[in-house]
Amino acid sequence: MTTPVGVAVVGCGTISHEYLRNLTTFPDLRVVACADLDVARAREVAERYGVPVAGAPAEVIAHPDVELVVNLTIPAAHAAVAGAAIEAGRHVYNEKPFALDTRSGTEVVEAAEAAGVRVGCAPDTFLGAGLQTAARLVADGAIGTPLTALTLLQSPGPESWHHSPEFLFQRGAGPLFDMGPYYLTALATLFGPVRRVAAVARRAREERVIGSGPRAGVRFPVEVPTHTTALLEFAAGQAATMVFSFDSPLRRSGFIEITGTEATMEVPDPNTFDGQVRLRRALADDWVVVPAEGATAGRGLGVLDMAQAIRADRPHRATGALGLHVLEVMLAVTASAERGEFLPVAGACPVPDLLPAGWDPAEGGPGGPSSAEAVRAEAP
């Protein structure tokens, strides 16, 4: 790719550092500006990462060198900021969740289509070496026909360590909306779209207490369920049992187990970009470790793939359609828990192409279909 894509980061909170550490090193990107409602914070972050422009969101989105807006605002602002970027003719990549409701999420996708710009959405962890290796194994038939999945995310809750955890217990968060996108995106990239869901949800306490930092001891209300158990049926026939909990004294995260007709596979933590893949075949005495192969740079791989896709005029992988489908699944899970019945998931999403195993974000390049996909595309 000869001309780097000009990028603006909107929202300079904690997660912006995870992105900017990477975005400022990828040769196919040029971070032009940082924006935040707190302009002083935007200036501080911009200076730290050598970004030349800082300012308010509207000012930065309108900057003539910006082609792609990376939207790292709070969940309640995702749809509005994305809409503003699209209206200005910019491509936009949202942090998760894609939006807070189906209507606003659909409006973002439809507005982008009408404007001829692209929409992407986190998480992009499925582009990392661990989950890409797992996806290649499934595609190559290493576990036979995929049948079921089990995922577990359990902890006492983030209020023990987070200095300002209130937003994690408000609408658009809780364990389902905060951590669910990692697990649901991983399964959607392995199995395809979800057809229907059933769920139960609980809220252990009406209040939580901040456990660390200068506000330790402050009580705050809990507005959303803090434990959700969901049963998912996929359009291709697979089933998954998923647990998302901030109510467990036992910490258990990153657990995804995929069972097929020939073997069971342990998938790496979907909130990371690396990790160990293990296979255990029927009647085998032990697990076989499969070395992960692929990129491990971290957050921002989805932005990079999107930028390369813009220049190469090909589909990108962490799409708005995928983010919207994950949102629709989470909303259906929430409604199922409230109503006590199976509910359909109306939307769908394409399964992203695998990345080439040797794709290196630091080298730059097209990041097109993997060699296996190229062979399949050329086959008569």
Protein backbone atom coordinates (compact mmCIF):
# COMPACT_ATOMS: atom_id res chain seq x y z
CA MET A 1 0.00 0.00 0.00
CA THR A 2 1.72 3.20 -1.15
CA THR A 3 -0.23 5.96 0.65
CA PRO A 4 -0.97 5.47 4.36
CA VAL A 5 -4.56 5.96 5.46
CA GLY A 6 -5.06 9.06 7.61
CA VAL A 7 -6.55 8.11 10.99
CA ALA A 8 -8.16 10.10 13.78
CA VAL A 9 -8.67 8.64 17.25
CA VAL A 10 -11.79 10.01 18.93
CA GLY A 11 -11.95 9.27 22.65
CA CYS A 12 -8.67 9.48 24.56
CA GLY A 13 -9.48 7.34 27.59
CA THR A 14 -7.56 4.32 28.88
CA ILE A 15 -8.15 2.11 25.84
CA SER A 16 -6.78 4.76 23.47
CA HIS A 17 -3.26 3.98 24.70
CA GLU A 18 -3.66 0.33 23.71
CA TYR A 19 -4.61 1.43 20.21
CA LEU A 20 -2.16 4.27 19.74
CA ARG A 21 0.84 2.19 20.78
CA ASN A 22 0.12 0.10 17.69
CA LEU A 23 -1.56 2.47 15.24
CA THR A 24 1.42 4.83 15.33
CA THR A 25 3.79 2.01 14.33
CA PHE A 26 1.91 0.46 11.39
CA PRO A 27 3.39 1.76 8.11
CA ASP A 28 0.03 1.59 6.32
CA LEU A 29 -1.51 4.06 8.79
CA ARG A 30 -0.80 7.69 9.65
CA VAL A 31 -2.41 8.90 12.86
CA VAL A 32 -3.32 12.47 12.03
CA ALA A 33 -5.26 13.61 15.09
CA CYS A 34 -6.59 12.80 18.55
CA ALA A 35 -9.91 14.12 19.86
CA ASP A 36 -11.77 14.14 23.15
CA LEU A 37 -14.47 16.21 24.83
CA ASP A 38 -11.67 17.02 27.26
CA VAL A 39 -9.42 18.79 24.76
CA ALA A 40 -6.57 19.03 27.28
CA ARG A 41 -6.57 15.25 27.56
CA ALA A 42 -6.57 14.93 23.76
CA ARG A 43 -3.54 17.23 23.59
CA GLU A 44 -1.73 15.24 26.26
CA VAL A 45 -2.35 11.93 24.49
CA ALA A 46 -1.43 13.36 21.09
CA GLU A 47 1.84 14.71 22.44
CA ARG A 48 2.67 11.38 24.08
CA TYR A 49 2.33 9.48 20.79
CA GLY A 50 3.66 12.12 18.42
CA VAL A 51 0.31 12.87 16.81
CA PRO A 52 0.36 16.32 15.19
CA VAL A 53 -3.24 17.50 15.77
CA ALA A 54 -5.50 17.48 18.84
CA GLY A 55 -8.89 18.99 19.45
CA ALA A 56 -12.61 18.50 19.95
CA PRO A 57 -14.32 15.60 18.11
CA ALA A 58 -16.15 17.70 15.50
CA GLU A 59 -12.99 19.63 14.66
CA VAL A 60 -10.88 16.50 14.30
CA ILE A 61 -13.44 14.54 12.27
CA ALA A 62 -13.55 17.43 9.80
CA HIS A 63 -9.76 17.56 9.39
CA PRO A 64 -8.98 17.19 5.66
CA ASP A 65 -6.30 14.52 6.20
CA VAL A 66 -8.61 12.19 8.13
CA GLU A 67 -10.02 9.25 6.16
CA LEU A 68 -10.78 6.80 8.97
CA VAL A 69 -12.15 7.63 12.42
CA VAL A 70 -11.35 5.21 15.25
CA ASN A 71 -14.24 5.68 17.69
CA LEU A 72 -13.10 4.89 21.24
CA THR A 73 -15.80 6.83 23.08
CA ILE A 74 -18.06 5.36 25.79
CA PRO A 75 -20.72 2.87 24.55
CA ALA A 76 -23.54 5.40 24.84
CA ALA A 77 -21.76 7.66 22.32
CA HIS A 78 -20.69 5.03 19.78
CA ALA A 79 -23.62 5.45 17.38
CA ALA A 80 -23.64 9.27 17.52
CA VAL A 81 -19.91 9.63 16.90
CA ALA A 82 -20.03 7.04 14.12
CA GLY A 83 -22.92 8.92 12.54
CA ALA A 84 -21.00 12.19 12.66
CA ALA A 85 -17.98 10.57 11.02
CA ILE A 86 -20.12 9.05 8.27
CA GLU A 87 -21.87 12.35 7.65
CA ALA A 88 -18.44 13.92 7.15
CA GLY A 89 -17.60 11.23 4.57
CA ARG A 90 -15.21 9.30 6.81
CA HIS A 91 -14.87 5.57 7.29
CA VAL A 92 -15.36 4.63 10.95
CA TYR A 93 -14.20 1.84 13.23
CA ASN A 94 -16.15 1.52 16.51
CA GLU A 95 -15.04 0.05 19.79
CA LYS A 96 -17.47 -2.56 21.12
CA PRO A 97 -20.36 -2.75 21.63
CA PHE A 98 -21.32 -1.49 18.17
CA ALA A 99 -24.25 0.49 19.64
CA LEU A 100 -26.73 0.19 22.51
CA ASP A 101 -29.75 -0.87 20.45
CA THR A 102 -30.53 -2.47 17.11
CA ARG A 103 -32.17 0.64 15.68
CA SER A 104 -29.18 2.93 16.15
CA GLY A 105 -26.75 0.22 15.06
CA THR A 106 -28.74 -0.44 11.90
CA GLU A 107 -28.90 3.29 11.18
CA VAL A 108 -25.10 3.46 11.32
CA VAL A 109 -24.72 0.57 8.87
CA GLU A 110 -27.35 1.97 6.50
CA ALA A 111 -25.90 5.49 6.64
CA ALA A 112 -22.45 4.14 5.78
CA GLU A 113 -23.83 2.20 2.83
CA ALA A 114 -25.64 5.29 1.56
CA ALA A 115 -22.52 7.44 1.94
CA GLY A 116 -20.23 4.89 0.31
CA VAL A 117 -17.96 4.55 3.36
CA ARG A 118 -16.99 1.57 5.48
CA VAL A 119 -17.85 0.64 9.05
CA GLY A 120 -15.78 -1.63 11.27
CA CYS A 121 -16.14 -2.80 14.84
CA ALA A 122 -14.07 -4.25 17.66
CA PRO A 123 -13.13 -6.69 18.93
CA ASP A 124 -10.39 -7.48 16.46
CA THR A 125 -8.81 -10.14 18.66
CA PHE A 126 -10.05 -12.80 16.21
CA LEU A 127 -7.38 -11.47 13.82
CA GLY A 128 -4.64 -12.43 16.28
CA ALA A 129 -2.46 -15.52 16.02
CA GLY A 130 -4.37 -17.58 18.58
CA LEU A 131 -7.88 -17.33 17.14
CA GLN A 132 -6.66 -17.34 13.54
CA THR A 133 -4.84 -20.62 14.23
CA ALA A 134 -8.00 -22.06 15.78
CA ALA A 135 -10.06 -20.93 12.78
CA ARG A 136 -7.58 -22.49 10.34
CA LEU A 137 -7.78 -25.79 12.23
CA VAL A 138 -11.58 -25.77 12.07
CA ALA A 139 -11.52 -24.88 8.36
CA ASP A 140 -9.03 -27.67 7.67
CA GLY A 141 -11.22 -30.26 9.43
CA ALA A 142 -8.89 -30.88 12.37
CA ILE A 143 -11.84 -31.43 14.74
CA GLY A 144 -14.21 -32.89 12.17
CA THR A 145 -17.61 -31.27 11.99
CA PRO A 146 -17.97 -28.60 14.72
CA LEU A 147 -20.86 -29.46 17.05
CA THR A 148 -20.80 -27.45 20.29
CA ALA A 149 -18.99 -24.77 22.25
CA LEU A 150 -18.61 -23.98 25.95
CA THR A 151 -17.39 -20.56 27.11
CA LEU A 152 -16.80 -19.33 30.65
CA LEU A 153 -16.10 -15.83 31.94
CA GLN A 154 -16.29 -15.56 35.72
CA SER A 155 -14.88 -13.08 38.24
CA PRO A 156 -15.92 -11.16 41.37
CA GLY A 157 -16.29 -8.04 39.21
CA PRO A 158 -14.01 -5.17 38.13
CA GLU A 159 -14.92 -2.82 40.98
CA SER A 160 -12.17 -4.36 43.14
CA TRP A 161 -9.42 -2.96 40.89
CA HIS A 162 -10.98 -0.35 38.59
CA HIS A 163 -10.70 3.21 39.93
CA SER A 164 -13.97 4.31 38.25
CA PRO A 165 -16.05 1.18 37.53
CA GLU A 166 -19.56 2.65 37.51
CA PHE A 167 -19.93 2.56 33.71
CA LEU A 168 -19.25 -1.19 33.75
CA PHE A 169 -22.50 -1.72 35.65
CA GLN A 170 -24.65 0.56 33.52
CA ARG A 171 -26.67 0.00 30.35
CA GLY A 172 -24.36 -1.15 27.58
CA ALA A 173 -22.01 -2.93 29.96
CA GLY A 174 -22.23 -5.63 32.63
CA PRO A 175 -20.39 -8.89 31.91
CA LEU A 176 -22.53 -9.65 28.84
CA PHE A 177 -22.02 -6.36 26.97
CA ASP A 178 -18.53 -5.61 28.30
CA MET A 179 -16.93 -9.03 27.79
CA GLY A 180 -19.50 -10.88 25.70
CA PRO A 181 -18.37 -9.36 22.38
CA TYR A 182 -15.01 -11.14 22.64
CA TYR A 183 -16.58 -14.57 23.08
CA LEU A 184 -19.51 -14.04 20.71
CA THR A 185 -17.28 -12.63 17.97
CA ALA A 186 -14.92 -15.59 18.31
CA LEU A 187 -17.79 -18.05 17.92
CA ALA A 188 -19.36 -16.09 15.04
CA THR A 189 -16.06 -16.26 13.15
CA LEU A 190 -15.89 -20.03 13.74
CA PHE A 191 -19.55 -21.04 13.34
CA GLY A 192 -21.26 -18.18 11.53
CA PRO A 193 -24.40 -16.31 12.63
CA VAL A 194 -26.67 -17.19 15.55
CA ARG A 195 -30.25 -18.31 14.84
CA ARG A 196 -31.89 -18.21 18.30
CA VAL A 197 -31.05 -17.86 21.99
CA ALA A 198 -32.34 -18.65 25.46
CA ALA A 199 -30.99 -17.18 28.68
CA VAL A 200 -31.34 -16.58 32.39
CA ALA A 201 -29.82 -13.57 34.17
CA ARG A 202 -29.34 -12.46 37.75
CA ARG A 203 -28.11 -9.43 39.68
CA ALA A 204 -26.43 -10.47 42.92
CA ARG A 205 -26.36 -7.03 44.56
CA GLU A 206 -28.10 -3.70 44.01
CA GLU A 207 -24.94 -1.78 44.91
CA ARG A 208 -21.23 -2.30 44.53
CA VAL A 209 -18.28 -0.65 46.31
CA ILE A 210 -15.17 0.75 44.63
CA GLY A 211 -12.26 -1.22 46.03
CA SER A 212 -9.19 0.76 44.99
CA GLY A 213 -7.92 4.19 44.03
CA PRO A 214 -8.79 7.62 45.44
CA ARG A 215 -12.54 6.80 45.48
CA ALA A 216 -12.22 3.51 47.35
CA GLY A 217 -15.24 2.87 49.53
CA VAL A 218 -17.71 4.79 47.34
CA ARG A 219 -20.95 2.91 46.70
CA PHE A 220 -22.70 2.99 43.35
CA PRO A 221 -25.86 1.38 41.90
CA VAL A 222 -25.89 -1.72 39.70
CA GLU A 223 -28.25 -1.24 36.75
CA VAL A 224 -27.75 -4.45 34.74
CA PRO A 225 -27.55 -8.21 35.34
CA THR A 226 -24.20 -9.32 36.68
CA HIS A 227 -24.59 -13.01 35.79
CA THR A 228 -25.96 -14.34 32.50
CA THR A 229 -26.11 -17.90 31.25
CA ALA A 230 -27.05 -18.26 27.60
CA LEU A 231 -27.79 -21.10 25.20
CA LEU A 232 -27.17 -20.28 21.54
CA GLU A 233 -28.17 -22.15 18.42
CA PHE A 234 -26.30 -21.22 15.24
CA ALA A 235 -27.75 -21.12 11.75
CA ALA A 236 -25.36 -23.90 10.69
CA GLY A 237 -26.62 -26.14 13.51
CA GLN A 238 -24.00 -25.79 16.25
CA ALA A 239 -24.96 -25.06 19.86
CA ALA A 240 -23.09 -23.11 22.53
CA THR A 241 -23.43 -22.75 26.29
CA MET A 242 -22.03 -19.44 27.57
CA VAL A 243 -21.55 -18.01 31.08
CA PHE A 244 -20.79 -14.34 31.75
CA SER A 245 -20.50 -13.46 35.44
CA PHE A 246 -19.25 -10.68 37.71
CA ASP A 247 -20.62 -12.62 40.71
CA SER A 248 -18.12 -15.46 41.07
CA PRO A 249 -15.39 -15.64 43.74
CA LEU A 250 -13.70 -18.09 41.36
CA ARG A 251 -11.87 -16.33 38.55
CA ARG A 252 -12.14 -18.15 35.25
CA SER A 253 -11.68 -16.24 32.01
CA GLY A 254 -10.67 -16.88 28.47
CA PHE A 255 -12.20 -20.37 28.40
CA ILE A 256 -13.55 -21.53 25.06
CA GLU A 257 -13.86 -25.21 24.25
CA ILE A 258 -15.03 -26.36 20.81
CA THR A 259 -16.18 -29.96 20.34
CA GLY A 260 -16.30 -31.60 16.94
CA THR A 261 -17.03 -35.09 15.66
CA GLU A 262 -13.32 -36.00 15.70
CA ALA A 263 -11.71 -33.89 18.42
CA THR A 264 -12.10 -31.22 21.07
CA MET A 265 -10.20 -27.95 20.79
CA GLU A 266 -9.27 -25.46 23.49
CA VAL A 267 -9.26 -21.97 21.98
CA PRO A 268 -7.09 -19.14 23.38
CA ASP A 269 -8.54 -16.32 25.45
CA PRO A 270 -10.63 -14.24 22.99
CA ASN A 271 -9.55 -11.06 24.78
CA THR A 272 -5.96 -11.63 23.67
CA PHE A 273 -4.16 -11.87 20.33
CA ASP A 274 -1.94 -14.87 21.07
CA GLY A 275 -2.31 -17.99 23.17
CA GLN A 276 -2.08 -21.73 23.00
CA VAL A 277 -4.36 -23.93 20.91
CA ARG A 278 -4.79 -27.51 22.14
CA LEU A 279 -6.44 -30.51 20.47
CA ARG A 280 -7.59 -33.74 22.04
CA ARG A 281 -8.86 -36.49 19.80
CA ALA A 282 -11.35 -39.18 20.77
CA LEU A 283 -9.75 -41.88 22.96
CA ALA A 284 -6.47 -39.91 23.16
CA ASP A 285 -4.71 -39.81 26.51
CA ASP A 286 -3.52 -36.22 26.35
CA TRP A 287 -3.77 -32.86 24.61
CA VAL A 288 -1.68 -31.92 21.58
CA VAL A 289 -0.43 -28.34 21.47
CA VAL A 290 -0.64 -26.54 18.11
CA PRO A 291 1.71 -23.53 17.93
CA ALA A 292 -0.13 -20.30 17.14
CA GLU A 293 0.86 -18.63 13.89
CA GLY A 294 0.00 -15.08 12.94
CA ALA A 295 0.02 -11.49 14.17
CA THR A 296 0.25 -10.66 17.88
CA ALA A 297 0.60 -6.86 17.74
CA GLY A 298 -2.60 -6.20 19.71
CA ARG A 299 -5.52 -3.80 19.41
CA GLY A 300 -5.66 -1.98 16.12
CA LEU A 301 -5.25 -4.99 13.81
CA GLY A 302 -8.86 -4.52 12.72
CA VAL A 303 -8.20 -0.86 11.92
CA LEU A 304 -5.11 -1.83 9.92
CA ASP A 305 -6.91 -4.57 7.98
CA MET A 306 -9.71 -2.10 7.25
CA ALA A 307 -7.26 0.51 5.98
CA GLN A 308 -5.48 -2.03 3.77
CA ALA A 309 -8.86 -3.18 2.46
CA ILE A 310 -9.82 0.41 1.58
CA ARG A 311 -6.65 0.82 -0.47
CA ALA A 312 -6.94 -2.64 -2.09
CA ASP A 313 -10.71 -2.33 -2.69
CA ARG A 314 -11.48 -5.64 -0.97
CA PRO A 315 -13.72 -6.55 2.00
CA HIS A 316 -12.33 -5.92 5.47
CA ARG A 317 -12.77 -8.45 8.25
CA ALA A 318 -13.89 -6.75 11.48
CA THR A 319 -17.03 -5.41 9.83
CA GLY A 320 -19.92 -3.36 11.10
CA ALA A 321 -22.19 -6.22 10.04
CA LEU A 322 -20.32 -8.56 12.40
CA GLY A 323 -20.44 -6.01 15.23
CA LEU A 324 -24.15 -5.41 14.63
CA HIS A 325 -24.90 -9.15 14.67
CA VAL A 326 -23.06 -9.57 17.97
CA LEU A 327 -25.10 -6.66 19.35
CA GLU A 328 -28.33 -8.30 18.13
CA VAL A 329 -27.34 -11.54 19.86
CA MET A 330 -26.63 -9.75 23.16
CA LEU A 331 -29.93 -7.88 22.99
CA ALA A 332 -31.77 -11.14 22.26
CA VAL A 333 -30.03 -12.80 25.22
CA THR A 334 -31.10 -9.91 27.45
CA ALA A 335 -34.70 -10.07 26.24
CA SER A 336 -34.80 -13.87 26.57
CA ALA A 337 -33.70 -13.63 30.19
CA GLU A 338 -36.44 -11.09 30.86
CA ARG A 339 -39.18 -13.04 29.06
CA GLY A 340 -38.13 -16.60 29.89
CA GLU A 341 -38.30 -17.99 26.35
CA PHE A 342 -36.29 -18.80 23.26
CA LEU A 343 -36.00 -15.78 20.96
CA PRO A 344 -34.87 -15.59 17.34
CA VAL A 345 -31.96 -13.49 16.14
CA ALA A 346 -33.08 -11.88 12.91
CA GLY A 347 -29.79 -10.54 11.57
CA ALA A 348 -26.82 -12.34 10.07
CA CYS A 349 -23.18 -11.71 9.27
CA PRO A 350 -20.58 -13.02 6.85
CA VAL A 351 -17.81 -15.20 8.27
CA PRO A 352 -14.59 -13.20 7.84
CA ASP A 353 -11.88 -14.53 5.54
CA LEU A 354 -8.84 -15.99 7.26
CA LEU A 355 -5.74 -13.82 7.24
CA PRO A 356 -2.65 -15.12 5.46
CA ALA A 357 -0.64 -16.93 8.13
CA GLY A 358 2.42 -14.83 7.38
CA TRP A 359 0.64 -11.45 7.49
CA ASP A 360 2.90 -8.99 9.31
CA PRO A 361 1.39 -5.62 10.32
CA ALA A 362 4.86 -4.11 10.65
CA GLU A 363 5.73 -4.81 7.01
CA GLY A 364 2.67 -3.28 5.40
CA GLY A 365 0.89 -4.87 2.48
CA PRO A 366 -2.52 -5.90 1.24
CA GLY A 367 -3.51 -8.50 3.86
CA GLY A 368 -5.77 -10.16 1.32
CA PRO A 369 -7.28 -13.64 1.42
CA SER A 370 -5.16 -16.48 2.78
CA SER A 371 -3.41 -18.77 0.32
CA ALA A 372 -6.01 -21.49 0.95
CA GLU A 373 -8.81 -19.08 0.12
CA ALA A 374 -7.00 -17.95 -3.04
CA VAL A 375 -6.78 -21.56 -4.18
CA ARG A 376 -10.49 -22.08 -3.49
CA ALA A 377 -11.34 -18.86 -5.34
CA GLU A 378 -9.40 -20.00 -8.42
CA ALA A 379 -10.89 -23.49 -8.46
CA PRO A 380 -13.39 -24.17 -11.25
